[in-house]
Amino acid sequence: SFTCTHNKITVFPDIFNAKSIHVMASVDFSYNQISEFENGENYRGINVSQLNLSNNRLKEFPSILFKKGSPLNYLVLSGNGMTTIPNGSMEGKYTYMLEALDLSHNKLTKLSDDFYTVTLPYLTGIDLSYNCFSKFPTSPLGIATLQQFHIRHQRDEFGNRCLREWPTGLYTCPSMFYFTIGSNDLRKIEDTISPYIRMFEIKDNPNISIDLTEVCDYIAAGYYMLIYDKTQDIRGC
């Protein structure tokens, strides 16, 4: 493991190499001021399982990591103020190895076209909470291994709730068991609620109206956790 957190580093150093025969467990450069990668397109990548670049100043998704063959399993990019993920950002020889991605606490409004099952066949979790999505990003939902999807607290540039879309057909996701969509502006939901999503969070959606008849028995039996507000319009259970 290599840790260099809470400093004033502005450039991610080119001291690692994706082609190294040694795989590191984790590298942590969180809480710095990193906005770019040393040597630009000549950056050599990094051979590590878990890379934490949270709370830096990366305004654009660091596609150079995958383009240089970094075999990442878990990538944390939360708290960067990131605004864009260009198409092609997930292209790389070992992109398929990514299992978990944290993009929370940024300023994203959409995902690139790379976030689907062909590019990320083994992705198990993605966190998009505290961003600016007004349209639900459905492409990751087709990934067969996806177990967790978090998209809480979406706000526009003026601080207004901007996500009102419900991902119709969520019950068809084969592996999903943990779904959080609280603190948004969901309205009337006319969709089958999956009994397989064992943890379902909808707190702080003051205008929501939802029928939970399909999962009532599972809740009563203790197999299903619903996180909600008592003031919400929840029916059928």
C-alpha atoms as a PDB file:
ATOM      1  CA  SER A   1       0.000   0.000   0.000  1.00  0.00           C
ATOM      2  CA  PHE A   2       1.081   3.562  -0.745  1.00  0.00           C
ATOM      3  CA  THR A   3      -0.572   6.511   1.006  1.00  0.00           C
ATOM      4  CA  CYS A   4       0.030  10.219   0.446  1.00  0.00           C
ATOM      5  CA  THR A   5      -3.140  11.965   1.606  1.00  0.00           C
ATOM      6  CA  HIS A   6      -3.928  15.469   2.913  1.00  0.00           C
ATOM      7  CA  ASN A   7      -1.116  17.317   1.179  1.00  0.00           C
ATOM      8  CA  LYS A   8      -0.829  19.931  -1.591  1.00  0.00           C
ATOM      9  CA  ILE A   9       0.166  17.737  -4.514  1.00  0.00           C
ATOM     10  CA  THR A  10      -1.148  19.212  -7.774  1.00  0.00           C
ATOM     11  CA  VAL A  11       0.016  16.572 -10.291  1.00  0.00           C
ATOM     12  CA  PHE A  12      -0.452  12.815  -9.941  1.00  0.00           C
ATOM     13  CA  PRO A  13       3.162  11.560 -10.101  1.00  0.00           C
ATOM     14  CA  ASP A  14       4.356   9.186 -12.815  1.00  0.00           C
ATOM     15  CA  ILE A  15       6.216   6.971 -10.323  1.00  0.00           C
ATOM     16  CA  PHE A  16       4.200   3.800 -10.984  1.00  0.00           C
ATOM     17  CA  ASN A  17       3.862   1.587 -14.047  1.00  0.00           C
ATOM     18  CA  ALA A  18       0.845  -0.363 -15.278  1.00  0.00           C
ATOM     19  CA  LYS A  19       3.230  -2.926 -16.802  1.00  0.00           C
ATOM     20  CA  SER A  20       4.905  -3.731 -13.490  1.00  0.00           C
ATOM     21  CA  ILE A  21       4.861  -7.424 -12.533  1.00  0.00           C
ATOM     22  CA  HIS A  22       3.980  -6.412  -8.962  1.00  0.00           C
ATOM     23  CA  VAL A  23       0.351  -5.616  -8.141  1.00  0.00           C
ATOM     24  CA  MET A  24      -0.188  -3.170  -5.286  1.00  0.00           C
ATOM     25  CA  ALA A  25      -3.212  -3.523  -3.032  1.00  0.00           C
ATOM     26  CA  SER A  26      -4.014   0.181  -2.724  1.00  0.00           C
ATOM     27  CA  VAL A  27      -2.743   3.663  -3.577  1.00  0.00           C
ATOM     28  CA  ASP A  28      -4.334   6.662  -1.855  1.00  0.00           C
ATOM     29  CA  PHE A  29      -3.790  10.257  -2.997  1.00  0.00           C
ATOM     30  CA  SER A  30      -7.049  11.625  -1.608  1.00  0.00           C
ATOM     31  CA  TYR A  31      -7.347  15.151  -0.203  1.00  0.00           C
ATOM     32  CA  ASN A  32      -4.725  16.781  -2.371  1.00  0.00           C
ATOM     33  CA  GLN A  33      -4.999  19.354  -5.202  1.00  0.00           C
ATOM     34  CA  ILE A  34      -4.425  17.026  -8.172  1.00  0.00           C
ATOM     35  CA  SER A  35      -5.804  18.330 -11.469  1.00  0.00           C
ATOM     36  CA  GLU A  36      -3.648  16.429 -13.981  1.00  0.00           C
ATOM     37  CA  PHE A  37      -1.286  13.500 -14.518  1.00  0.00           C
ATOM     38  CA  GLU A  38       2.474  13.903 -14.856  1.00  0.00           C
ATOM     39  CA  ASN A  39       3.832  13.505 -18.416  1.00  0.00           C
ATOM     40  CA  GLY A  40       0.378  13.777 -19.987  1.00  0.00           C
ATOM     41  CA  GLU A  41      -0.147  11.195 -22.727  1.00  0.00           C
ATOM     42  CA  ASN A  42       3.185   9.593 -21.801  1.00  0.00           C
ATOM     43  CA  TYR A  43       1.921   8.738 -18.315  1.00  0.00           C
ATOM     44  CA  ARG A  44       2.708   5.062 -17.665  1.00  0.00           C
ATOM     45  CA  GLY A  45      -0.390   3.993 -15.732  1.00  0.00           C
ATOM     46  CA  ILE A  46      -0.520   2.151 -12.421  1.00  0.00           C
ATOM     47  CA  ASN A  47      -0.757  -1.535 -11.444  1.00  0.00           C
ATOM     48  CA  VAL A  48      -2.990  -1.401  -8.385  1.00  0.00           C
ATOM     49  CA  SER A  49      -6.271  -2.963  -7.266  1.00  0.00           C
ATOM     50  CA  GLN A  50      -7.702   0.047  -5.404  1.00  0.00           C
ATOM     51  CA  LEU A  51      -6.979   3.670  -6.333  1.00  0.00           C
ATOM     52  CA  ASN A  52      -8.357   6.579  -4.304  1.00  0.00           C
ATOM     53  CA  LEU A  53      -8.232  10.032  -5.904  1.00  0.00           C
ATOM     54  CA  SER A  54     -11.153  11.512  -3.997  1.00  0.00           C
ATOM     55  CA  ASN A  55     -11.292  15.161  -2.972  1.00  0.00           C
ATOM     56  CA  ASN A  56      -8.904  16.493  -5.563  1.00  0.00           C
ATOM     57  CA  ARG A  57      -9.498  18.832  -8.540  1.00  0.00           C
ATOM     58  CA  LEU A  58     -10.018  16.509 -11.500  1.00  0.00           C
ATOM     59  CA  LYS A  59     -12.652  18.316 -13.591  1.00  0.00           C
ATOM     60  CA  GLU A  60     -12.702  15.564 -16.226  1.00  0.00           C
ATOM     61  CA  PHE A  61     -12.767  11.794 -15.837  1.00  0.00           C
ATOM     62  CA  PRO A  62      -9.116  10.540 -15.831  1.00  0.00           C
ATOM     63  CA  SER A  63      -9.425   8.292 -18.894  1.00  0.00           C
ATOM     64  CA  ILE A  64      -5.619   8.084 -19.089  1.00  0.00           C
ATOM     65  CA  LEU A  65      -5.737   5.463 -16.317  1.00  0.00           C
ATOM     66  CA  PHE A  66      -7.556   2.938 -18.496  1.00  0.00           C
ATOM     67  CA  LYS A  67      -5.900   3.930 -21.764  1.00  0.00           C
ATOM     68  CA  LYS A  68      -2.532   3.081 -20.244  1.00  0.00           C
ATOM     69  CA  GLY A  69      -3.706  -0.358 -19.128  1.00  0.00           C
ATOM     70  CA  SER A  70      -4.179   0.189 -15.396  1.00  0.00           C
ATOM     71  CA  PRO A  71      -5.923  -2.978 -14.072  1.00  0.00           C
ATOM     72  CA  LEU A  72      -8.125  -1.254 -11.477  1.00  0.00           C
ATOM     73  CA  ASN A  73     -10.740  -3.105  -9.434  1.00  0.00           C
ATOM     74  CA  TYR A  74     -11.970  -0.189  -7.315  1.00  0.00           C
ATOM     75  CA  LEU A  75     -11.690   3.475  -8.337  1.00  0.00           C
ATOM     76  CA  VAL A  76     -12.724   6.351  -6.037  1.00  0.00           C
ATOM     77  CA  LEU A  77     -13.175   9.770  -7.686  1.00  0.00           C
ATOM     78  CA  SER A  78     -15.650  11.417  -5.314  1.00  0.00           C
ATOM     79  CA  GLY A  79     -15.442  15.081  -4.373  1.00  0.00           C
ATOM     80  CA  ASN A  80     -13.509  16.375  -7.387  1.00  0.00           C
ATOM     81  CA  GLY A  81     -16.060  18.780  -8.849  1.00  0.00           C
ATOM     82  CA  MET A  82     -15.932  16.649 -11.998  1.00  0.00           C
ATOM     83  CA  THR A  83     -18.238  17.914 -14.745  1.00  0.00           C
ATOM     84  CA  THR A  84     -17.650  15.622 -17.746  1.00  0.00           C
ATOM     85  CA  ILE A  85     -16.964  12.024 -18.704  1.00  0.00           C
ATOM     86  CA  PRO A  86     -16.010  12.084 -22.413  1.00  0.00           C
ATOM     87  CA  ASN A  87     -17.030   9.187 -24.651  1.00  0.00           C
ATOM     88  CA  GLY A  88     -14.231   6.651 -24.810  1.00  0.00           C
ATOM     89  CA  SER A  89     -13.131   7.316 -21.232  1.00  0.00           C
ATOM     90  CA  MET A  90     -13.512   3.656 -20.284  1.00  0.00           C
ATOM     91  CA  GLU A  91     -11.585   2.238 -23.219  1.00  0.00           C
ATOM     92  CA  GLY A  92      -8.566   0.159 -22.270  1.00  0.00           C
ATOM     93  CA  LYS A  93      -7.116  -3.343 -22.232  1.00  0.00           C
ATOM     94  CA  TYR A  94      -8.065  -4.000 -18.603  1.00  0.00           C
ATOM     95  CA  THR A  95     -11.151  -1.822 -18.149  1.00  0.00           C
ATOM     96  CA  TYR A  96     -13.237  -4.986 -17.815  1.00  0.00           C
ATOM     97  CA  MET A  97     -11.565  -5.644 -14.427  1.00  0.00           C
ATOM     98  CA  LEU A  98     -13.297  -2.674 -12.769  1.00  0.00           C
ATOM     99  CA  GLU A  99     -15.726  -3.856 -10.071  1.00  0.00           C
ATOM    100  CA  ALA A 100     -16.647  -0.693  -8.146  1.00  0.00           C
ATOM    101  CA  LEU A 101     -16.696   2.998  -9.067  1.00  0.00           C
ATOM    102  CA  ASP A 102     -17.387   5.958  -6.782  1.00  0.00           C
ATOM    103  CA  LEU A 103     -18.320   9.164  -8.638  1.00  0.00           C
ATOM    104  CA  SER A 104     -20.291  10.771  -5.814  1.00  0.00           C
ATOM    105  CA  HIS A 105     -20.055  14.446  -4.800  1.00  0.00           C
ATOM    106  CA  ASN A 106     -19.202  15.776  -8.248  1.00  0.00           C
ATOM    107  CA  LYS A 107     -21.085  17.902 -10.827  1.00  0.00           C
ATOM    108  CA  LEU A 108     -21.919  15.256 -13.410  1.00  0.00           C
ATOM    109  CA  THR A 109     -25.064  15.530 -15.528  1.00  0.00           C
ATOM    110  CA  LYS A 110     -24.629  12.348 -17.594  1.00  0.00           C
ATOM    111  CA  LEU A 111     -22.462   9.283 -18.116  1.00  0.00           C
ATOM    112  CA  SER A 112     -20.530   8.525 -21.272  1.00  0.00           C
ATOM    113  CA  ASP A 113     -21.632   5.786 -23.680  1.00  0.00           C
ATOM    114  CA  ASP A 114     -19.012   3.430 -22.193  1.00  0.00           C
ATOM    115  CA  PHE A 115     -20.989   2.499 -19.095  1.00  0.00           C
ATOM    116  CA  TYR A 116     -22.606  -0.712 -20.298  1.00  0.00           C
ATOM    117  CA  THR A 117     -22.136  -4.459 -20.060  1.00  0.00           C
ATOM    118  CA  VAL A 118     -19.608  -4.910 -22.888  1.00  0.00           C
ATOM    119  CA  THR A 119     -17.131  -2.428 -21.384  1.00  0.00           C
ATOM    120  CA  LEU A 120     -17.783  -3.174 -17.697  1.00  0.00           C
ATOM    121  CA  PRO A 121     -18.982  -6.805 -17.557  1.00  0.00           C
ATOM    122  CA  TYR A 122     -18.028  -7.333 -13.885  1.00  0.00           C
ATOM    123  CA  LEU A 123     -19.078  -4.022 -12.338  1.00  0.00           C
ATOM    124  CA  THR A 124     -20.840  -4.724  -9.023  1.00  0.00           C
ATOM    125  CA  GLY A 125     -21.380  -1.203  -7.680  1.00  0.00           C
ATOM    126  CA  ILE A 126     -21.570   2.427  -8.796  1.00  0.00           C
ATOM    127  CA  ASP A 127     -22.221   5.532  -6.693  1.00  0.00           C
ATOM    128  CA  LEU A 128     -23.547   8.649  -8.464  1.00  0.00           C
ATOM    129  CA  SER A 129     -24.972  10.367  -5.389  1.00  0.00           C
ATOM    130  CA  TYR A 130     -24.614  14.137  -4.941  1.00  0.00           C
ATOM    131  CA  ASN A 131     -24.326  15.059  -8.606  1.00  0.00           C
ATOM    132  CA  CYS A 132     -26.547  16.950 -11.084  1.00  0.00           C
ATOM    133  CA  PHE A 133     -28.393  14.231 -13.020  1.00  0.00           C
ATOM    134  CA  SER A 134     -31.815  15.300 -14.315  1.00  0.00           C
ATOM    135  CA  LYS A 135     -32.177  12.220 -16.524  1.00  0.00           C
ATOM    136  CA  PHE A 136     -31.709   8.781 -14.983  1.00  0.00           C
ATOM    137  CA  PRO A 137     -28.545   7.079 -16.345  1.00  0.00           C
ATOM    138  CA  THR A 138     -29.976   3.673 -17.268  1.00  0.00           C
ATOM    139  CA  SER A 139     -27.023   2.178 -19.167  1.00  0.00           C
ATOM    140  CA  PRO A 140     -25.321   0.560 -16.127  1.00  0.00           C
ATOM    141  CA  LEU A 141     -28.559  -1.229 -15.196  1.00  0.00           C
ATOM    142  CA  GLY A 142     -27.992  -3.726 -17.993  1.00  0.00           C
ATOM    143  CA  ILE A 143     -24.777  -5.017 -16.409  1.00  0.00           C
ATOM    144  CA  ALA A 144     -25.552  -8.534 -15.194  1.00  0.00           C
ATOM    145  CA  THR A 145     -23.278  -8.366 -12.138  1.00  0.00           C
ATOM    146  CA  LEU A 146     -24.451  -4.957 -10.848  1.00  0.00           C
ATOM    147  CA  GLN A 147     -25.527  -5.306  -7.214  1.00  0.00           C
ATOM    148  CA  GLN A 148     -25.511  -1.732  -5.889  1.00  0.00           C
ATOM    149  CA  PHE A 149     -26.662   1.502  -7.518  1.00  0.00           C
ATOM    150  CA  HIS A 150     -26.677   4.776  -5.592  1.00  0.00           C
ATOM    151  CA  ILE A 151     -28.088   8.013  -7.008  1.00  0.00           C
ATOM    152  CA  ARG A 152     -29.173  10.074  -4.015  1.00  0.00           C
ATOM    153  CA  HIS A 153     -29.396  13.874  -3.817  1.00  0.00           C
ATOM    154  CA  GLN A 154     -29.264  15.253  -7.358  1.00  0.00           C
ATOM    155  CA  ARG A 155     -29.267  19.063  -7.556  1.00  0.00           C
ATOM    156  CA  ASP A 156     -28.929  21.547 -10.413  1.00  0.00           C
ATOM    157  CA  GLU A 157     -26.623  24.571 -10.395  1.00  0.00           C
ATOM    158  CA  PHE A 158     -29.155  26.552  -8.370  1.00  0.00           C
ATOM    159  CA  GLY A 159     -29.521  23.877  -5.708  1.00  0.00           C
ATOM    160  CA  ASN A 160     -32.937  22.675  -6.926  1.00  0.00           C
ATOM    161  CA  ARG A 161     -33.890  18.997  -6.984  1.00  0.00           C
ATOM    162  CA  CYS A 162     -33.517  17.925 -10.594  1.00  0.00           C
ATOM    163  CA  LEU A 163     -34.054  14.143 -10.749  1.00  0.00           C
ATOM    164  CA  ARG A 164     -37.698  13.145 -11.223  1.00  0.00           C
ATOM    165  CA  GLU A 165     -37.244  10.101 -13.465  1.00  0.00           C
ATOM    166  CA  TRP A 166     -37.854   6.638 -12.104  1.00  0.00           C
ATOM    167  CA  PRO A 167     -35.936   3.800 -13.880  1.00  0.00           C
ATOM    168  CA  THR A 168     -38.936   1.797 -15.127  1.00  0.00           C
ATOM    169  CA  GLY A 169     -38.184  -1.921 -15.265  1.00  0.00           C
ATOM    170  CA  LEU A 170     -35.694  -1.862 -12.410  1.00  0.00           C
ATOM    171  CA  TYR A 171     -37.140  -5.189 -11.294  1.00  0.00           C
ATOM    172  CA  THR A 172     -35.565  -6.857 -14.347  1.00  0.00           C
ATOM    173  CA  CYS A 173     -31.994  -6.171 -13.147  1.00  0.00           C
ATOM    174  CA  PRO A 174     -30.683  -9.677 -12.470  1.00  0.00           C
ATOM    175  CA  SER A 175     -28.332  -9.035  -9.506  1.00  0.00           C
ATOM    176  CA  MET A 176     -29.457  -5.727  -7.987  1.00  0.00           C
ATOM    177  CA  PHE A 177     -30.035  -5.902  -4.233  1.00  0.00           C
ATOM    178  CA  TYR A 178     -29.177  -2.404  -2.938  1.00  0.00           C
ATOM    179  CA  PHE A 179     -30.751   0.685  -4.547  1.00  0.00           C
ATOM    180  CA  THR A 180     -30.775   4.222  -3.099  1.00  0.00           C
ATOM    181  CA  ILE A 181     -32.621   7.113  -4.763  1.00  0.00           C
ATOM    182  CA  GLY A 182     -33.480   9.270  -1.752  1.00  0.00           C
ATOM    183  CA  SER A 183     -33.419  13.086  -1.530  1.00  0.00           C
ATOM    184  CA  ASN A 184     -34.690  13.637  -5.071  1.00  0.00           C
ATOM    185  CA  ASP A 185     -38.039  14.743  -6.511  1.00  0.00           C
ATOM    186  CA  LEU A 186     -39.729  11.482  -7.460  1.00  0.00           C
ATOM    187  CA  ARG A 187     -43.486  11.790  -8.030  1.00  0.00           C
ATOM    188  CA  LYS A 188     -45.994   9.022  -8.788  1.00  0.00           C
ATOM    189  CA  ILE A 189     -44.256   5.723  -9.500  1.00  0.00           C
ATOM    190  CA  GLU A 190     -46.227   3.293 -11.636  1.00  0.00           C
ATOM    191  CA  ASP A 191     -43.873   0.347 -11.806  1.00  0.00           C
ATOM    192  CA  THR A 192     -43.412  -3.085 -10.270  1.00  0.00           C
ATOM    193  CA  ILE A 193     -41.125  -2.869  -7.254  1.00  0.00           C
ATOM    194  CA  SER A 194     -38.638  -5.720  -7.215  1.00  0.00           C
ATOM    195  CA  PRO A 195     -38.674  -8.085  -4.205  1.00  0.00           C
ATOM    196  CA  TYR A 196     -35.060  -8.934  -5.017  1.00  0.00           C
ATOM    197  CA  ILE A 197     -33.796  -5.447  -4.146  1.00  0.00           C
ATOM    198  CA  ARG A 198     -33.405  -6.202  -0.468  1.00  0.00           C
ATOM    199  CA  MET A 199     -32.361  -2.666   0.554  1.00  0.00           C
ATOM    200  CA  PHE A 200     -34.417   0.128  -1.015  1.00  0.00           C
ATOM    201  CA  GLU A 201     -33.990   3.763   0.093  1.00  0.00           C
ATOM    202  CA  ILE A 202     -36.455   6.511  -0.921  1.00  0.00           C
ATOM    203  CA  LYS A 203     -36.199   8.956   2.025  1.00  0.00           C
ATOM    204  CA  ASP A 204     -36.644  12.675   1.427  1.00  0.00           C
ATOM    205  CA  ASN A 205     -38.759  12.436  -1.727  1.00  0.00           C
ATOM    206  CA  PRO A 206     -41.611  14.605  -0.387  1.00  0.00           C
ATOM    207  CA  ASN A 207     -43.887  14.237  -3.439  1.00  0.00           C
ATOM    208  CA  ILE A 208     -43.525  10.494  -3.951  1.00  0.00           C
ATOM    209  CA  SER A 209     -46.473   8.126  -4.340  1.00  0.00           C
ATOM    210  CA  ILE A 210     -45.541   4.455  -4.520  1.00  0.00           C
ATOM    211  CA  ASP A 211     -47.322   1.093  -4.255  1.00  0.00           C
ATOM    212  CA  LEU A 212     -45.326  -1.569  -2.408  1.00  0.00           C
ATOM    213  CA  THR A 213     -47.849  -4.393  -2.589  1.00  0.00           C
ATOM    214  CA  GLU A 214     -45.305  -6.625  -4.342  1.00  0.00           C
ATOM    215  CA  VAL A 215     -42.818  -6.446  -1.481  1.00  0.00           C
ATOM    216  CA  CYS A 216     -45.069  -6.134   1.581  1.00  0.00           C
ATOM    217  CA  ASP A 217     -44.757  -9.792   2.571  1.00  0.00           C
ATOM    218  CA  TYR A 218     -40.981  -9.636   2.251  1.00  0.00           C
ATOM    219  CA  ILE A 219     -40.852  -6.580   4.529  1.00  0.00           C
ATOM    220  CA  ALA A 220     -43.025  -8.291   7.106  1.00  0.00           C
ATOM    221  CA  ALA A 221     -40.815 -11.375   7.007  1.00  0.00           C
ATOM    222  CA  GLY A 222     -37.650  -9.326   7.527  1.00  0.00           C
ATOM    223  CA  TYR A 223     -36.144 -10.088   4.106  1.00  0.00           C
ATOM    224  CA  TYR A 224     -36.554  -6.577   2.713  1.00  0.00           C
ATOM    225  CA  MET A 225     -35.409  -3.240   4.160  1.00  0.00           C
ATOM    226  CA  LEU A 226     -37.310  -0.121   3.103  1.00  0.00           C
ATOM    227  CA  ILE A 227     -35.794   3.206   4.196  1.00  0.00           C
ATOM    228  CA  TYR A 228     -38.481   5.913   3.978  1.00  0.00           C
ATOM    229  CA  ASP A 229     -40.204   8.830   5.722  1.00  0.00           C
ATOM    230  CA  LYS A 230     -43.503   8.337   7.546  1.00  0.00           C
ATOM    231  CA  THR A 231     -44.914  11.411   5.792  1.00  0.00           C
ATOM    232  CA  GLN A 232     -44.529   9.837   2.331  1.00  0.00           C
ATOM    233  CA  ASP A 233     -47.464   8.387   0.358  1.00  0.00           C
ATOM    234  CA  ILE A 234     -46.600   4.676   0.554  1.00  0.00           C
ATOM    235  CA  ARG A 235     -49.412   2.276  -0.304  1.00  0.00           C
ATOM    236  CA  GLY A 236     -50.206  -1.414  -0.355  1.00  0.00           C
ATOM    237  CA  CYS A 237     -48.433  -2.396   2.851  1.00  0.00           C
END
